[in-house]
Amino acid sequence: NAYKAVSGKAVFASGKKPFRDCDDPNVVAAYELGLVN
């Protein structure tokens, strides 16, 4: 949400599953944006 605020861009979850223990769309979006590993 902070990324949206400072960038002015929409964010959507891609449907990918980069982690075996989590499919939270916010986690996926943060990971694909490069905010978290």
Full PDB file with SEQRES, HELIX, SHEET, SSBOND, CRYST1, ORIGX, SCALE, CONECT and MASTER records, all heavy atoms in Angstrom:
SEQRES   1 A   37  ASN ALA TYR LYS ALA VAL SER GLY LYS ALA VAL PHE ALA          
SEQRES   2 A   37  SER GLY LYS LYS PRO PHE ARG ASP CYS ASP ASP PRO ASN          
SEQRES   3 A   37  VAL VAL ALA ALA TYR GLU LEU GLY LEU VAL ASN                  
HELIX    1 AA1 ALA A    2  SER A    7  1                                   6    
HELIX    2 AA2 PRO A   25  LEU A   33  1                                   9    
CRYST1    1.000    1.000    1.000  90.00  90.00  90.00 P 1           1          
ORIGX1      1.000000  0.000000  0.000000        0.00000                         
ORIGX2      0.000000  1.000000  0.000000        0.00000                         
ORIGX3      0.000000  0.000000  1.000000        0.00000                         
SCALE1      1.000000  0.000000  0.000000        0.00000                         
SCALE2      0.000000  1.000000  0.000000        0.00000                         
SCALE3      0.000000  0.000000  1.000000        0.00000                         
ATOM      1  N   ASN A   1       0.827  -1.206   0.000  1.00  0.00           N  
ATOM      2  CA  ASN A   1       0.000   0.000   0.000  1.00  0.00           C  
ATOM      3  C   ASN A   1       0.863   1.258   0.000  1.00  0.00           C  
ATOM      4  O   ASN A   1       0.517   2.263  -0.630  1.00  0.00           O  
ATOM      5  CB  ASN A   1      -0.942  -0.005   1.196  1.00  0.00           C  
ATOM      6  CG  ASN A   1      -2.088  -0.983   1.027  1.00  0.00           C  
ATOM      7  OD1 ASN A   1      -2.424  -1.370  -0.087  1.00  0.00           O  
ATOM      8  ND2 ASN A   1      -2.680  -1.402   2.130  1.00  0.00           N  
ATOM      9  N   ALA A   2       1.996   1.225   0.719  1.00  0.00           N  
ATOM     10  CA  ALA A   2       2.907   2.366   0.712  1.00  0.00           C  
ATOM     11  C   ALA A   2       3.527   2.556  -0.671  1.00  0.00           C  
ATOM     12  O   ALA A   2       3.710   3.687  -1.133  1.00  0.00           O  
ATOM     13  CB  ALA A   2       3.999   2.165   1.767  1.00  0.00           C  
ATOM     14  N   TYR A   3       3.836   1.451  -1.328  1.00  0.00           N  
ATOM     15  CA  TYR A   3       4.345   1.525  -2.703  1.00  0.00           C  
ATOM     16  C   TYR A   3       3.323   2.221  -3.601  1.00  0.00           C  
ATOM     17  O   TYR A   3       3.671   3.084  -4.419  1.00  0.00           O  
ATOM     18  CB  TYR A   3       4.650   0.128  -3.226  1.00  0.00           C  
ATOM     19  CG  TYR A   3       4.909   0.076  -4.712  1.00  0.00           C  
ATOM     20  CD1 TYR A   3       6.178   0.304  -5.232  1.00  0.00           C  
ATOM     21  CD2 TYR A   3       3.868  -0.192  -5.605  1.00  0.00           C  
ATOM     22  CE1 TYR A   3       6.401   0.281  -6.603  1.00  0.00           C  
ATOM     23  CE2 TYR A   3       4.084  -0.219  -6.969  1.00  0.00           C  
ATOM     24  CZ  TYR A   3       5.357   0.015  -7.472  1.00  0.00           C  
ATOM     25  OH  TYR A   3       5.565  -0.006  -8.821  1.00  0.00           O  
ATOM     26  N   LYS A   4       2.049   1.838  -3.475  1.00  0.00           N  
ATOM     27  CA  LYS A   4       1.010   2.480  -4.277  1.00  0.00           C  
ATOM     28  C   LYS A   4       0.989   3.986  -4.011  1.00  0.00           C  
ATOM     29  O   LYS A   4       0.836   4.790  -4.932  1.00  0.00           O  
ATOM     30  CB  LYS A   4      -0.353   1.899  -3.937  1.00  0.00           C  
ATOM     31  CG  LYS A   4      -0.556   0.432  -4.270  1.00  0.00           C  
ATOM     32  CD  LYS A   4      -1.932  -0.005  -3.781  1.00  0.00           C  
ATOM     33  CE  LYS A   4      -2.168  -1.494  -3.898  1.00  0.00           C  
ATOM     34  NZ  LYS A   4      -3.478  -1.880  -3.341  1.00  0.00           N  
ATOM     35  N   ALA A   5       1.141   4.360  -2.744  1.00  0.00           N  
ATOM     36  CA  ALA A   5       1.015   5.757  -2.359  1.00  0.00           C  
ATOM     37  C   ALA A   5       2.125   6.611  -2.958  1.00  0.00           C  
ATOM     38  O   ALA A   5       1.875   7.717  -3.445  1.00  0.00           O  
ATOM     39  CB  ALA A   5       1.013   5.891  -0.841  1.00  0.00           C  
ATOM     40  N   VAL A   6       3.358   6.134  -2.927  1.00  0.00           N  
ATOM     41  CA  VAL A   6       4.460   6.964  -3.405  1.00  0.00           C  
ATOM     42  C   VAL A   6       4.702   6.819  -4.898  1.00  0.00           C  
ATOM     43  O   VAL A   6       5.336   7.686  -5.503  1.00  0.00           O  
ATOM     44  CB  VAL A   6       5.769   6.666  -2.633  1.00  0.00           C  
ATOM     45  CG1 VAL A   6       5.595   6.954  -1.154  1.00  0.00           C  
ATOM     46  CG2 VAL A   6       6.233   5.237  -2.852  1.00  0.00           C  
ATOM     47  N   SER A   7       4.198   5.743  -5.516  1.00  0.00           N  
ATOM     48  CA  SER A   7       4.412   5.556  -6.948  1.00  0.00           C  
ATOM     49  C   SER A   7       3.214   5.981  -7.778  1.00  0.00           C  
ATOM     50  O   SER A   7       3.346   6.307  -8.953  1.00  0.00           O  
ATOM     51  CB  SER A   7       4.731   4.089  -7.262  1.00  0.00           C  
ATOM     52  OG  SER A   7       3.583   3.263  -7.093  1.00  0.00           O  
ATOM     53  N   GLY A   8       2.015   5.952  -7.169  1.00  0.00           N  
ATOM     54  CA  GLY A   8       0.808   6.258  -7.912  1.00  0.00           C  
ATOM     55  C   GLY A   8       0.397   5.172  -8.862  1.00  0.00           C  
ATOM     56  O   GLY A   8      -0.371   5.407  -9.790  1.00  0.00           O  
ATOM     57  N   LYS A   9       0.881   3.942  -8.642  1.00  0.00           N  
ATOM     58  CA  LYS A   9       0.586   2.840  -9.541  1.00  0.00           C  
ATOM     59  C   LYS A   9      -0.278   1.796  -8.857  1.00  0.00           C  
ATOM     60  O   LYS A   9      -0.193   1.598  -7.650  1.00  0.00           O  
ATOM     61  CB  LYS A   9       1.888   2.177 -10.017  1.00  0.00           C  
ATOM     62  CG  LYS A   9       2.762   3.083 -10.864  1.00  0.00           C  
ATOM     63  CD  LYS A   9       4.021   2.352 -11.306  1.00  0.00           C  
ATOM     64  CE  LYS A   9       4.893   3.247 -12.162  1.00  0.00           C  
ATOM     65  NZ  LYS A   9       6.136   2.550 -12.594  1.00  0.00           N  
ATOM     66  N   ALA A  10      -1.080   1.131  -9.658  1.00  0.00           N  
ATOM     67  CA  ALA A  10      -1.867   0.013  -9.153  1.00  0.00           C  
ATOM     68  C   ALA A  10      -0.980  -1.214  -9.028  1.00  0.00           C  
ATOM     69  O   ALA A  10       0.047  -1.334  -9.678  1.00  0.00           O  
ATOM     70  CB  ALA A  10      -3.031  -0.288 -10.095  1.00  0.00           C  
ATOM     71  N   VAL A  11      -1.380  -2.123  -8.149  1.00  0.00           N  
ATOM     72  CA  VAL A  11      -0.645  -3.363  -7.930  1.00  0.00           C  
ATOM     73  C   VAL A  11      -1.636  -4.505  -7.995  1.00  0.00           C  
ATOM     74  O   VAL A  11      -2.730  -4.414  -7.453  1.00  0.00           O  
ATOM     75  CB  VAL A  11       0.066  -3.357  -6.563  1.00  0.00           C  
ATOM     76  CG1 VAL A  11       0.709  -4.710  -6.286  1.00  0.00           C  
ATOM     77  CG2 VAL A  11       1.117  -2.262  -6.507  1.00  0.00           C  
ATOM     78  N   PHE A  12      -1.265  -5.587  -8.642  1.00  0.00           N  
ATOM     79  CA  PHE A  12      -2.125  -6.761  -8.661  1.00  0.00           C  
ATOM     80  C   PHE A  12      -1.273  -7.998  -8.473  1.00  0.00           C  
ATOM     81  O   PHE A  12      -0.108  -8.038  -8.846  1.00  0.00           O  
ATOM     82  CB  PHE A  12      -2.927  -6.858  -9.956  1.00  0.00           C  
ATOM     83  CG  PHE A  12      -2.095  -7.155 -11.177  1.00  0.00           C  
ATOM     84  CD1 PHE A  12      -2.018  -8.440 -11.683  1.00  0.00           C  
ATOM     85  CD2 PHE A  12      -1.390  -6.153 -11.811  1.00  0.00           C  
ATOM     86  CE1 PHE A  12      -1.261  -8.724 -12.796  1.00  0.00           C  
ATOM     87  CE2 PHE A  12      -0.626  -6.426 -12.933  1.00  0.00           C  
ATOM     88  CZ  PHE A  12      -0.562  -7.712 -13.426  1.00  0.00           C  
ATOM     89  N   ALA A  13      -1.857  -9.015  -7.845  1.00  0.00           N  
ATOM     90  CA  ALA A  13      -1.144 -10.273  -7.641  1.00  0.00           C  
ATOM     91  C   ALA A  13      -1.168 -11.072  -8.931  1.00  0.00           C  
ATOM     92  O   ALA A  13      -2.187 -11.165  -9.597  1.00  0.00           O  
ATOM     93  CB  ALA A  13      -1.802 -11.071  -6.516  1.00  0.00           C  
ATOM     94  N   SER A  14      -0.042 -11.643  -9.297  1.00  0.00           N  
ATOM     95  CA  SER A  14       0.081 -12.308 -10.584  1.00  0.00           C  
ATOM     96  C   SER A  14      -0.498 -13.712 -10.594  1.00  0.00           C  
ATOM     97  O   SER A  14      -0.703 -14.298 -11.650  1.00  0.00           O  
ATOM     98  CB  SER A  14       1.553 -12.390 -10.976  1.00  0.00           C  
ATOM     99  OG  SER A  14       2.236 -13.288 -10.108  1.00  0.00           O  
ATOM    100  N   GLY A  15      -0.723 -14.291  -9.445  1.00  0.00           N  
ATOM    101  CA  GLY A  15      -1.174 -15.675  -9.379  1.00  0.00           C  
ATOM    102  C   GLY A  15      -0.024 -16.658  -9.245  1.00  0.00           C  
ATOM    103  O   GLY A  15      -0.238 -17.854  -9.066  1.00  0.00           O  
ATOM    104  N   LYS A  16       1.199 -16.168  -9.334  1.00  0.00           N  
ATOM    105  CA  LYS A  16       2.353 -17.037  -9.158  1.00  0.00           C  
ATOM    106  C   LYS A  16       2.482 -17.425  -7.684  1.00  0.00           C  
ATOM    107  O   LYS A  16       1.957 -16.751  -6.799  1.00  0.00           O  
ATOM    108  CB  LYS A  16       3.629 -16.342  -9.633  1.00  0.00           C  
ATOM    109  CG  LYS A  16       3.636 -16.020 -11.120  1.00  0.00           C  
ATOM    110  CD  LYS A  16       4.922 -15.329 -11.524  1.00  0.00           C  
ATOM    111  CE  LYS A  16       4.922 -15.010 -13.014  1.00  0.00           C  
ATOM    112  NZ  LYS A  16       6.151 -14.302 -13.431  1.00  0.00           N  
ATOM    113  N   LYS A  17       3.205 -18.482  -7.412  1.00  0.00           N  
ATOM    114  CA  LYS A  17       3.413 -18.956  -6.046  1.00  0.00           C  
ATOM    115  C   LYS A  17       4.901 -19.161  -5.795  1.00  0.00           C  
ATOM    116  O   LYS A  17       5.419 -20.276  -5.903  1.00  0.00           O  
ATOM    117  CB  LYS A  17       2.631 -20.250  -5.814  1.00  0.00           C  
ATOM    118  CG  LYS A  17       1.118 -20.059  -5.912  1.00  0.00           C  
ATOM    119  CD  LYS A  17       0.373 -21.348  -5.605  1.00  0.00           C  
ATOM    120  CE  LYS A  17      -1.138 -21.137  -5.683  1.00  0.00           C  
ATOM    121  NZ  LYS A  17      -1.896 -22.374  -5.377  1.00  0.00           N  
ATOM    122  N   PRO A  18       5.602 -18.079  -5.452  1.00  0.00           N  
ATOM    123  CA  PRO A  18       7.045 -18.189  -5.255  1.00  0.00           C  
ATOM    124  C   PRO A  18       7.442 -18.899  -3.960  1.00  0.00           C  
ATOM    125  O   PRO A  18       8.595 -19.289  -3.805  1.00  0.00           O  
ATOM    126  CB  PRO A  18       7.509 -16.732  -5.238  1.00  0.00           C  
ATOM    127  CG  PRO A  18       6.310 -15.958  -4.776  1.00  0.00           C  
ATOM    128  CD  PRO A  18       5.122 -16.688  -5.336  1.00  0.00           C  
ATOM    129  N   PHE A  19       6.484 -19.076  -3.034  1.00  0.00           N  
ATOM    130  CA  PHE A  19       6.809 -19.681  -1.742  1.00  0.00           C  
ATOM    131  C   PHE A  19       5.921 -20.892  -1.461  1.00  0.00           C  
ATOM    132  O   PHE A  19       4.734 -20.899  -1.784  1.00  0.00           O  
ATOM    133  CB  PHE A  19       6.646 -18.652  -0.618  1.00  0.00           C  
ATOM    134  CG  PHE A  19       7.473 -17.411  -0.822  1.00  0.00           C  
ATOM    135  CD1 PHE A  19       6.870 -16.197  -1.133  1.00  0.00           C  
ATOM    136  CD2 PHE A  19       8.856 -17.458  -0.733  1.00  0.00           C  
ATOM    137  CE1 PHE A  19       7.620 -15.066  -1.343  1.00  0.00           C  
ATOM    138  CE2 PHE A  19       9.620 -16.328  -0.939  1.00  0.00           C  
ATOM    139  CZ  PHE A  19       9.004 -15.124  -1.243  1.00  0.00           C  
ATOM    140  N   ARG A  20       6.508 -21.889  -0.847  1.00  0.00           N  
ATOM    141  CA  ARG A  20       5.777 -23.109  -0.525  1.00  0.00           C  
ATOM    142  C   ARG A  20       4.890 -22.946   0.702  1.00  0.00           C  
ATOM    143  O   ARG A  20       3.925 -23.690   0.886  1.00  0.00           O  
ATOM    144  CB  ARG A  20       6.761 -24.269  -0.293  1.00  0.00           C  
ATOM    145  CG  ARG A  20       7.508 -24.700  -1.549  1.00  0.00           C  
ATOM    146  CD  ARG A  20       8.345 -25.938  -1.303  1.00  0.00           C  
ATOM    147  NE  ARG A  20       9.536 -25.643  -0.515  1.00  0.00           N  
ATOM    148  CZ  ARG A  20       9.753 -26.038   0.721  1.00  0.00           C  
ATOM    149  NH1 ARG A  20       8.834 -26.740   1.355  1.00  0.00           N  
ATOM    150  NH2 ARG A  20      10.872 -25.737   1.349  1.00  0.00           N  
ATOM    151  N   ASP A  21       5.224 -21.992   1.561  1.00  0.00           N  
ATOM    152  CA  ASP A  21       4.502 -21.861   2.833  1.00  0.00           C  
ATOM    153  C   ASP A  21       3.599 -20.640   2.891  1.00  0.00           C  
ATOM    154  O   ASP A  21       3.069 -20.296   3.946  1.00  0.00           O  
ATOM    155  CB  ASP A  21       5.501 -21.802   3.992  1.00  0.00           C  
ATOM    156  CG  ASP A  21       6.415 -20.580   3.922  1.00  0.00           C  
ATOM    157  OD1 ASP A  21       6.568 -20.020   2.805  1.00  0.00           O  
ATOM    158  OD2 ASP A  21       6.980 -20.197   4.957  1.00  0.00           O  
ATOM    159  N   CYS A  22       3.382 -19.980   1.743  1.00  0.00           N  
ATOM    160  CA  CYS A  22       2.576 -18.753   1.780  1.00  0.00           C  
ATOM    161  C   CYS A  22       2.073 -18.417   0.387  1.00  0.00           C  
ATOM    162  O   CYS A  22       2.863 -18.371  -0.574  1.00  0.00           O  
ATOM    163  CB  CYS A  22       3.416 -17.592   2.315  1.00  0.00           C  
ATOM    164  SG  CYS A  22       2.533 -16.022   2.401  1.00  0.00           S  
ATOM    165  N   ASP A  23       0.756 -18.168   0.272  1.00  0.00           N  
ATOM    166  CA  ASP A  23       0.194 -17.715  -0.996  1.00  0.00           C  
ATOM    167  C   ASP A  23      -0.560 -16.393  -0.826  1.00  0.00           C  
ATOM    168  O   ASP A  23      -1.408 -16.032  -1.648  1.00  0.00           O  
ATOM    169  CB  ASP A  23      -0.726 -18.764  -1.599  1.00  0.00           C  
ATOM    170  CG  ASP A  23      -1.891 -19.137  -0.679  1.00  0.00           C  
ATOM    171  OD1 ASP A  23      -1.999 -18.543   0.420  1.00  0.00           O  
ATOM    172  OD2 ASP A  23      -2.684 -20.010  -1.047  1.00  0.00           O  
ATOM    173  N   ASP A  24      -0.236 -15.667   0.252  1.00  0.00           N  
ATOM    174  CA  ASP A  24      -0.844 -14.363   0.491  1.00  0.00           C  
ATOM    175  C   ASP A  24      -0.561 -13.446  -0.702  1.00  0.00           C  
ATOM    176  O   ASP A  24       0.593 -13.242  -1.074  1.00  0.00           O  
ATOM    177  CB  ASP A  24      -0.249 -13.763   1.771  1.00  0.00           C  
ATOM    178  CG  ASP A  24      -0.912 -12.464   2.184  1.00  0.00           C  
ATOM    179  OD1 ASP A  24      -1.176 -11.627   1.310  1.00  0.00           O  
ATOM    180  OD2 ASP A  24      -1.133 -12.280   3.401  1.00  0.00           O  
ATOM    181  N   PRO A  25      -1.613 -12.870  -1.328  1.00  0.00           N  
ATOM    182  CA  PRO A  25      -1.386 -12.028  -2.511  1.00  0.00           C  
ATOM    183  C   PRO A  25      -0.517 -10.812  -2.237  1.00  0.00           C  
ATOM    184  O   PRO A  25       0.209 -10.362  -3.123  1.00  0.00           O  
ATOM    185  CB  PRO A  25      -2.798 -11.628  -2.948  1.00  0.00           C  
ATOM    186  CG  PRO A  25      -3.672 -11.881  -1.768  1.00  0.00           C  
ATOM    187  CD  PRO A  25      -3.042 -13.020  -1.024  1.00  0.00           C  
ATOM    188  N   ASN A  26      -0.565 -10.275  -1.018  1.00  0.00           N  
ATOM    189  CA  ASN A  26       0.298  -9.139  -0.695  1.00  0.00           C  
ATOM    190  C   ASN A  26       1.757  -9.555  -0.609  1.00  0.00           C  
ATOM    191  O   ASN A  26       2.655  -8.797  -0.992  1.00  0.00           O  
ATOM    192  CB  ASN A  26      -0.136  -8.498   0.626  1.00  0.00           C  
ATOM    193  CG  ASN A  26      -1.354  -7.620   0.471  1.00  0.00           C  
ATOM    194  OD1 ASN A  26      -1.487  -6.891  -0.509  1.00  0.00           O  
ATOM    195  ND2 ASN A  26      -2.265  -7.689   1.430  1.00  0.00           N  
ATOM    196  N   VAL A  27       2.015 -10.746  -0.106  1.00  0.00           N  
ATOM    197  CA  VAL A  27       3.383 -11.252  -0.059  1.00  0.00           C  
ATOM    198  C   VAL A  27       3.906 -11.468  -1.476  1.00  0.00           C  
ATOM    199  O   VAL A  27       5.033 -11.086  -1.807  1.00  0.00           O  
ATOM    200  CB  VAL A  27       3.460 -12.564   0.749  1.00  0.00           C  
ATOM    201  CG1 VAL A  27       4.848 -13.194   0.619  1.00  0.00           C  
ATOM    202  CG2 VAL A  27       3.136 -12.303   2.217  1.00  0.00           C  
ATOM    203  N   VAL A  28       3.077 -12.071  -2.322  1.00  0.00           N  
ATOM    204  CA  VAL A  28       3.468 -12.304  -3.710  1.00  0.00           C  
ATOM    205  C   VAL A  28       3.746 -10.977  -4.411  1.00  0.00           C  
ATOM    206  O   VAL A  28       4.752 -10.818  -5.115  1.00  0.00           O  
ATOM    207  CB  VAL A  28       2.384 -13.096  -4.457  1.00  0.00           C  
ATOM    208  CG1 VAL A  28       2.731 -13.220  -5.931  1.00  0.00           C  
ATOM    209  CG2 VAL A  28       2.214 -14.477  -3.836  1.00  0.00           C  
ATOM    210  N   ALA A  29       2.870 -10.004  -4.218  1.00  0.00           N  
ATOM    211  CA  ALA A  29       3.051  -8.700  -4.860  1.00  0.00           C  
ATOM    212  C   ALA A  29       4.315  -8.016  -4.360  1.00  0.00           C  
ATOM    213  O   ALA A  29       5.080  -7.444  -5.150  1.00  0.00           O  
ATOM    214  CB  ALA A  29       1.828  -7.824  -4.598  1.00  0.00           C  
ATOM    215  N   ALA A  30       4.555  -8.057  -3.042  1.00  0.00           N  
ATOM    216  CA  ALA A  30       5.756  -7.432  -2.476  1.00  0.00           C  
ATOM    217  C   ALA A  30       7.017  -8.097  -3.010  1.00  0.00           C  
ATOM    218  O   ALA A  30       8.017  -7.434  -3.317  1.00  0.00           O  
ATOM    219  CB  ALA A  30       5.712  -7.496  -0.950  1.00  0.00           C  
ATOM    220  N   TYR A  31       6.965  -9.408  -3.138  1.00  0.00           N  
ATOM    221  CA  TYR A  31       8.111 -10.141  -3.665  1.00  0.00           C  
ATOM    222  C   TYR A  31       8.365  -9.783  -5.130  1.00  0.00           C  
ATOM    223  O   TYR A  31       9.514  -9.527  -5.535  1.00  0.00           O  
ATOM    224  CB  TYR A  31       7.870 -11.642  -3.513  1.00  0.00           C  
ATOM    225  CG  TYR A  31       8.926 -12.513  -4.155  1.00  0.00           C  
ATOM    226  CD1 TYR A  31      10.163 -12.702  -3.545  1.00  0.00           C  
ATOM    227  CD2 TYR A  31       8.682 -13.148  -5.371  1.00  0.00           C  
ATOM    228  CE1 TYR A  31      11.149 -13.494  -4.132  1.00  0.00           C  
ATOM    229  CE2 TYR A  31       9.654 -13.950  -5.964  1.00  0.00           C  
ATOM    230  CZ  TYR A  31      10.881 -14.114  -5.342  1.00  0.00           C  
ATOM    231  OH  TYR A  31      11.840 -14.903  -5.931  1.00  0.00           O  
ATOM    232  N   GLU A  32       7.314  -9.746  -5.931  1.00  0.00           N  
ATOM    233  CA  GLU A  32       7.496  -9.451  -7.345  1.00  0.00           C  
ATOM    234  C   GLU A  32       7.866  -7.996  -7.598  1.00  0.00           C  
ATOM    235  O   GLU A  32       8.511  -7.682  -8.600  1.00  0.00           O  
ATOM    236  CB  GLU A  32       6.229  -9.820  -8.118  1.00  0.00           C  
ATOM    237  CG  GLU A  32       5.975 -11.323  -8.101  1.00  0.00           C  
ATOM    238  CD  GLU A  32       4.917 -11.750  -9.092  1.00  0.00           C  
ATOM    239  OE1 GLU A  32       4.047 -10.918  -9.415  1.00  0.00           O  
ATOM    240  OE2 GLU A  32       4.973 -12.900  -9.551  1.00  0.00           O  
ATOM    241  N   LEU A  33       7.496  -7.104  -6.682  1.00  0.00           N  
ATOM    242  CA  LEU A  33       7.921  -5.713  -6.791  1.00  0.00           C  
ATOM    243  C   LEU A  33       9.373  -5.525  -6.382  1.00  0.00           C  
ATOM    244  O   LEU A  33       9.974  -4.491  -6.672  1.00  0.00           O  
ATOM    245  CB  LEU A  33       7.032  -4.820  -5.911  1.00  0.00           C  
ATOM    246  CG  LEU A  33       5.613  -4.556  -6.406  1.00  0.00           C  
ATOM    247  CD1 LEU A  33       4.784  -3.897  -5.316  1.00  0.00           C  
ATOM    248  CD2 LEU A  33       5.629  -3.688  -7.661  1.00  0.00           C  
ATOM    249  N   GLY A  34       9.947  -6.506  -5.693  1.00  0.00           N  
ATOM    250  CA  GLY A  34      11.317  -6.398  -5.210  1.00  0.00           C  
ATOM    251  C   GLY A  34      11.430  -5.766  -3.845  1.00  0.00           C  
ATOM    252  O   GLY A  34      12.494  -5.259  -3.469  1.00  0.00           O  
ATOM    253  N   LEU A  35      10.328  -5.806  -3.066  1.00  0.00           N  
ATOM    254  CA  LEU A  35      10.330  -5.189  -1.738  1.00  0.00           C  
ATOM    255  C   LEU A  35      10.801  -6.146  -0.651  1.00  0.00           C  
ATOM    256  O   LEU A  35      11.219  -5.704   0.425  1.00  0.00           O  
ATOM    257  CB  LEU A  35       8.928  -4.677  -1.381  1.00  0.00           C  
ATOM    258  CG  LEU A  35       8.234  -3.770  -2.408  1.00  0.00           C  
ATOM    259  CD1 LEU A  35       6.913  -3.264  -1.847  1.00  0.00           C  
ATOM    260  CD2 LEU A  35       9.139  -2.623  -2.818  1.00  0.00           C  
ATOM    261  N   VAL A  36      10.715  -7.465  -0.894  1.00  0.00           N  
ATOM    262  CA  VAL A  36      11.020  -8.432   0.147  1.00  0.00           C  
ATOM    263  C   VAL A  36      11.552  -9.710  -0.492  1.00  0.00           C  
ATOM    264  O   VAL A  36      11.258 -10.005  -1.661  1.00  0.00           O  
ATOM    265  CB  VAL A  36       9.747  -8.737   0.983  1.00  0.00           C  
ATOM    266  CG1 VAL A  36       8.727  -9.500   0.171  1.00  0.00           C  
ATOM    267  CG2 VAL A  36      10.080  -9.458   2.271  1.00  0.00           C  
ATOM    268  N   ASN A  37      12.343 -10.449   0.272  1.00  0.00           N  
ATOM    269  CA  ASN A  37      12.840 -11.751  -0.153  1.00  0.00           C  
ATOM    270  C   ASN A  37      12.345 -12.823   0.804  1.00  0.00           C  
ATOM    271  O   ASN A  37      11.857 -12.523   1.900  1.00  0.00           O  
ATOM    272  CB  ASN A  37      14.371 -11.768  -0.172  1.00  0.00           C  
ATOM    273  CG  ASN A  37      14.942 -10.827  -1.212  1.00  0.00           C  
ATOM    274  OD1 ASN A  37      14.479 -10.797  -2.347  1.00  0.00           O  
ATOM    275  ND2 ASN A  37      15.943 -10.054  -0.820  1.00  0.00           N  
TER     276      ASN A  37                                                      
MASTER        0    0    0    2    0    0    0    6  275    1    0    3          
END                                                                             
